[in-house]
Amino acid sequence: MWAYFLLFVSAFGAATLLPLQSEAVLLALLAEGSKSAFWLIVVASLGNVLGSCVNWYLGLKIEQYKNKKWFPISESKMFQAQNIYQKYGFWSLLLSWVPIIGDPITLIAGLLKENFVRFLFIVTIAKVGRYLCVYWIFLGIF
């Protein structure tokens, strides 16, 4: 049970603006072999999607938070993410799994008032796809 909790927390944190890594935790648990790969992917995906939802919410409220010392996204990363989002629209959320730009894109989606249901749908596809790829790499399929 603790393994699933650790995976959830690392995946949640990795999707927020915190510099955490969830793939290593997933790979370690897959290598250990005592947990269901299906449930590991479900838990990691759920944590990662919920973390992205936090970013979306912070985006809605960004004007209140962007000048706080703890706010971890630089002005340049936010500008880069906003340009991507404005150029490609909600489809840019398919890049929400990408390190460095993915988290700011989910934040910008909130800032630009992206429809939450569409946000959730596209981000879920991206995040589940990410963990499936990690699993396939683990199996040697990729």
C-alpha atoms as a PDB file:
ATOM      1  CA  MET A   1       0.000   0.000   0.000  1.00  0.00           C
ATOM      2  CA  TRP A   2       2.838   2.398   0.832  1.00  0.00           C
ATOM      3  CA  ALA A   3       4.345   1.842  -2.592  1.00  0.00           C
ATOM      4  CA  TYR A   4       1.168   3.021  -4.297  1.00  0.00           C
ATOM      5  CA  PHE A   5       0.998   6.023  -1.982  1.00  0.00           C
ATOM      6  CA  LEU A   6       4.629   6.930  -2.719  1.00  0.00           C
ATOM      7  CA  LEU A   7       3.983   6.609  -6.450  1.00  0.00           C
ATOM      8  CA  PHE A   8       0.847   8.755  -6.233  1.00  0.00           C
ATOM      9  CA  VAL A   9       2.656  11.488  -4.285  1.00  0.00           C
ATOM     10  CA  SER A  10       5.648  11.502  -6.636  1.00  0.00           C
ATOM     11  CA  ALA A  11       3.382  11.600  -9.718  1.00  0.00           C
ATOM     12  CA  PHE A  12       1.217  14.334  -8.212  1.00  0.00           C
ATOM     13  CA  GLY A  13       4.244  16.406  -7.277  1.00  0.00           C
ATOM     14  CA  ALA A  14       5.906  15.855 -10.649  1.00  0.00           C
ATOM     15  CA  ALA A  15       2.839  17.280 -12.387  1.00  0.00           C
ATOM     16  CA  THR A  16       2.731  20.366 -10.231  1.00  0.00           C
ATOM     17  CA  LEU A  17       5.366  23.034 -10.405  1.00  0.00           C
ATOM     18  CA  LEU A  18       7.629  21.086  -8.041  1.00  0.00           C
ATOM     19  CA  PRO A  19      10.793  19.532  -9.506  1.00  0.00           C
ATOM     20  CA  LEU A  20       9.953  15.886  -8.782  1.00  0.00           C
ATOM     21  CA  GLN A  21      10.432  12.735 -10.843  1.00  0.00           C
ATOM     22  CA  SER A  22       7.793  10.008 -10.978  1.00  0.00           C
ATOM     23  CA  GLU A  23       9.120   7.805 -13.774  1.00  0.00           C
ATOM     24  CA  ALA A  24      12.001   6.575 -11.617  1.00  0.00           C
ATOM     25  CA  VAL A  25       9.571   5.561  -8.861  1.00  0.00           C
ATOM     26  CA  LEU A  26       7.345   3.773 -11.376  1.00  0.00           C
ATOM     27  CA  LEU A  27      10.313   1.942 -12.927  1.00  0.00           C
ATOM     28  CA  ALA A  28      11.608   0.896  -9.501  1.00  0.00           C
ATOM     29  CA  LEU A  29       8.213  -0.513  -8.542  1.00  0.00           C
ATOM     30  CA  LEU A  30       7.875  -2.290 -11.883  1.00  0.00           C
ATOM     31  CA  ALA A  31      11.349  -3.788 -11.479  1.00  0.00           C
ATOM     32  CA  GLU A  32      10.545  -4.911  -7.948  1.00  0.00           C
ATOM     33  CA  GLY A  33       7.769  -6.976  -9.498  1.00  0.00           C
ATOM     34  CA  SER A  34       5.355  -7.449  -6.613  1.00  0.00           C
ATOM     35  CA  LYS A  35       2.786  -4.854  -7.714  1.00  0.00           C
ATOM     36  CA  SER A  36       0.321  -4.957 -10.582  1.00  0.00           C
ATOM     37  CA  ALA A  37       1.619  -2.961 -13.558  1.00  0.00           C
ATOM     38  CA  PHE A  38      -1.964  -2.000 -14.372  1.00  0.00           C
ATOM     39  CA  TRP A  39      -2.567  -0.476 -10.929  1.00  0.00           C
ATOM     40  CA  LEU A  40       0.832   1.211 -10.890  1.00  0.00           C
ATOM     41  CA  ILE A  41      -0.004   2.944 -14.173  1.00  0.00           C
ATOM     42  CA  VAL A  42      -3.479   3.874 -12.921  1.00  0.00           C
ATOM     43  CA  VAL A  43      -2.125   5.347  -9.674  1.00  0.00           C
ATOM     44  CA  ALA A  44       0.697   7.240 -11.405  1.00  0.00           C
ATOM     45  CA  SER A  45      -1.686   8.597 -14.037  1.00  0.00           C
ATOM     46  CA  LEU A  46      -4.264   9.643 -11.456  1.00  0.00           C
ATOM     47  CA  GLY A  47      -1.661  11.470  -9.368  1.00  0.00           C
ATOM     48  CA  ASN A  48      -0.172  13.164 -12.412  1.00  0.00           C
ATOM     49  CA  VAL A  49      -3.543  14.269 -13.790  1.00  0.00           C
ATOM     50  CA  LEU A  50      -4.620  15.638 -10.405  1.00  0.00           C
ATOM     51  CA  GLY A  51      -1.347  17.547 -10.137  1.00  0.00           C
ATOM     52  CA  SER A  52      -2.042  19.100 -13.540  1.00  0.00           C
ATOM     53  CA  CYS A  53      -5.504  20.075 -12.293  1.00  0.00           C
ATOM     54  CA  VAL A  54      -3.794  21.967  -9.458  1.00  0.00           C
ATOM     55  CA  ASN A  55      -1.750  23.829 -12.089  1.00  0.00           C
ATOM     56  CA  TRP A  56      -4.927  24.649 -14.028  1.00  0.00           C
ATOM     57  CA  TYR A  57      -6.495  26.040 -10.854  1.00  0.00           C
ATOM     58  CA  LEU A  58      -3.369  28.059 -10.031  1.00  0.00           C
ATOM     59  CA  GLY A  59      -3.553  29.423 -13.565  1.00  0.00           C
ATOM     60  CA  LEU A  60      -7.043  30.698 -12.833  1.00  0.00           C
ATOM     61  CA  LYS A  61      -5.677  32.443  -9.751  1.00  0.00           C
ATOM     62  CA  ILE A  62      -2.203  33.306 -11.075  1.00  0.00           C
ATOM     63  CA  GLU A  63      -2.562  37.035 -10.669  1.00  0.00           C
ATOM     64  CA  GLN A  64      -2.726  36.445  -6.921  1.00  0.00           C
ATOM     65  CA  TYR A  65       0.332  34.150  -6.840  1.00  0.00           C
ATOM     66  CA  LYS A  66       2.818  35.025  -9.595  1.00  0.00           C
ATOM     67  CA  ASN A  67       4.769  37.534  -7.488  1.00  0.00           C
ATOM     68  CA  LYS A  68       5.154  35.188  -4.511  1.00  0.00           C
ATOM     69  CA  LYS A  69       8.701  34.061  -3.693  1.00  0.00           C
ATOM     70  CA  TRP A  70       7.683  30.401  -3.749  1.00  0.00           C
ATOM     71  CA  PHE A  71       6.152  30.607  -7.247  1.00  0.00           C
ATOM     72  CA  PRO A  72       8.555  28.405  -9.236  1.00  0.00           C
ATOM     73  CA  ILE A  73       7.863  29.343 -12.880  1.00  0.00           C
ATOM     74  CA  SER A  74       9.978  32.075 -14.346  1.00  0.00           C
ATOM     75  CA  GLU A  75       8.472  34.800 -16.466  1.00  0.00           C
ATOM     76  CA  SER A  76      10.306  33.451 -19.541  1.00  0.00           C
ATOM     77  CA  LYS A  77       8.934  29.902 -19.119  1.00  0.00           C
ATOM     78  CA  MET A  78       5.442  31.272 -18.687  1.00  0.00           C
ATOM     79  CA  PHE A  79       5.858  33.395 -21.814  1.00  0.00           C
ATOM     80  CA  GLN A  80       7.139  30.363 -23.778  1.00  0.00           C
ATOM     81  CA  ALA A  81       4.231  28.212 -22.606  1.00  0.00           C
ATOM     82  CA  GLN A  82       1.719  30.952 -23.361  1.00  0.00           C
ATOM     83  CA  ASN A  83       3.089  31.302 -26.912  1.00  0.00           C
ATOM     84  CA  ILE A  84       2.787  27.542 -27.473  1.00  0.00           C
ATOM     85  CA  TYR A  85      -0.714  27.512 -26.064  1.00  0.00           C
ATOM     86  CA  GLN A  86      -1.862  30.471 -28.124  1.00  0.00           C
ATOM     87  CA  LYS A  87      -0.326  29.013 -31.289  1.00  0.00           C
ATOM     88  CA  TYR A  88      -1.720  25.472 -30.935  1.00  0.00           C
ATOM     89  CA  GLY A  89      -4.663  26.029 -28.624  1.00  0.00           C
ATOM     90  CA  PHE A  90      -5.938  23.259 -26.399  1.00  0.00           C
ATOM     91  CA  TRP A  91      -4.066  20.660 -28.469  1.00  0.00           C
ATOM     92  CA  SER A  92      -0.865  21.908 -26.843  1.00  0.00           C
ATOM     93  CA  LEU A  93      -2.110  20.130 -23.707  1.00  0.00           C
ATOM     94  CA  LEU A  94      -0.951  16.918 -25.392  1.00  0.00           C
ATOM     95  CA  LEU A  95       2.520  18.204 -24.457  1.00  0.00           C
ATOM     96  CA  SER A  96       1.598  18.356 -20.774  1.00  0.00           C
ATOM     97  CA  TRP A  97       3.797  15.307 -20.121  1.00  0.00           C
ATOM     98  CA  VAL A  98       6.940  16.996 -21.520  1.00  0.00           C
ATOM     99  CA  PRO A  99       9.526  18.047 -18.923  1.00  0.00           C
ATOM    100  CA  ILE A 100      10.096  21.793 -18.441  1.00  0.00           C
ATOM    101  CA  ILE A 101       7.244  23.035 -20.686  1.00  0.00           C
ATOM    102  CA  GLY A 102       4.434  20.650 -19.709  1.00  0.00           C
ATOM    103  CA  ASP A 103       3.690  22.070 -16.273  1.00  0.00           C
ATOM    104  CA  PRO A 104       3.642  25.698 -17.443  1.00  0.00           C
ATOM    105  CA  ILE A 105       1.308  24.739 -20.308  1.00  0.00           C
ATOM    106  CA  THR A 106      -1.233  23.348 -17.839  1.00  0.00           C
ATOM    107  CA  LEU A 107      -0.908  26.516 -15.774  1.00  0.00           C
ATOM    108  CA  ILE A 108      -1.397  28.696 -18.864  1.00  0.00           C
ATOM    109  CA  ALA A 109      -4.510  26.666 -19.743  1.00  0.00           C
ATOM    110  CA  GLY A 110      -6.028  27.840 -16.472  1.00  0.00           C
ATOM    111  CA  LEU A 111      -4.822  31.385 -17.012  1.00  0.00           C
ATOM    112  CA  LEU A 112      -6.513  31.421 -20.431  1.00  0.00           C
ATOM    113  CA  LYS A 113      -9.678  29.895 -18.922  1.00  0.00           C
ATOM    114  CA  GLU A 114      -9.551  26.623 -20.871  1.00  0.00           C
ATOM    115  CA  ASN A 115     -12.711  24.554 -20.438  1.00  0.00           C
ATOM    116  CA  PHE A 116     -11.958  22.201 -17.547  1.00  0.00           C
ATOM    117  CA  VAL A 117     -13.664  19.124 -19.032  1.00  0.00           C
ATOM    118  CA  ARG A 118     -11.687  19.444 -22.282  1.00  0.00           C
ATOM    119  CA  PHE A 119      -8.531  20.140 -20.245  1.00  0.00           C
ATOM    120  CA  LEU A 120      -9.094  17.028 -18.154  1.00  0.00           C
ATOM    121  CA  PHE A 121      -9.761  14.842 -21.194  1.00  0.00           C
ATOM    122  CA  ILE A 122      -6.665  15.897 -23.142  1.00  0.00           C
ATOM    123  CA  VAL A 123      -4.319  15.938 -20.153  1.00  0.00           C
ATOM    124  CA  THR A 124      -5.507  12.453 -19.158  1.00  0.00           C
ATOM    125  CA  ILE A 125      -4.674  11.140 -22.627  1.00  0.00           C
ATOM    126  CA  ALA A 126      -1.201  12.706 -22.431  1.00  0.00           C
ATOM    127  CA  LYS A 127      -0.423  11.528 -18.912  1.00  0.00           C
ATOM    128  CA  VAL A 128      -1.676   7.959 -19.371  1.00  0.00           C
ATOM    129  CA  GLY A 129       0.236   7.811 -22.643  1.00  0.00           C
ATOM    130  CA  ARG A 130       3.396   8.888 -20.862  1.00  0.00           C
ATOM    131  CA  TYR A 131       3.202   6.119 -18.271  1.00  0.00           C
ATOM    132  CA  LEU A 132       2.260   3.523 -20.873  1.00  0.00           C
ATOM    133  CA  CYS A 133       5.393   4.496 -22.810  1.00  0.00           C
ATOM    134  CA  VAL A 134       7.489   4.162 -19.658  1.00  0.00           C
ATOM    135  CA  TYR A 135       5.977   0.714 -19.121  1.00  0.00           C
ATOM    136  CA  TRP A 136       6.593  -0.327 -22.729  1.00  0.00           C
ATOM    137  CA  ILE A 137      10.200   0.862 -22.467  1.00  0.00           C
ATOM    138  CA  PHE A 138      10.508  -1.191 -19.275  1.00  0.00           C
ATOM    139  CA  LEU A 139       9.200  -4.245 -21.166  1.00  0.00           C
ATOM    140  CA  GLY A 140      11.582  -3.560 -24.042  1.00  0.00           C
ATOM    141  CA  ILE A 141       8.776  -2.942 -26.542  1.00  0.00           C
ATOM    142  CA  PHE A 142       9.978   0.570 -27.348  1.00  0.00           C
END
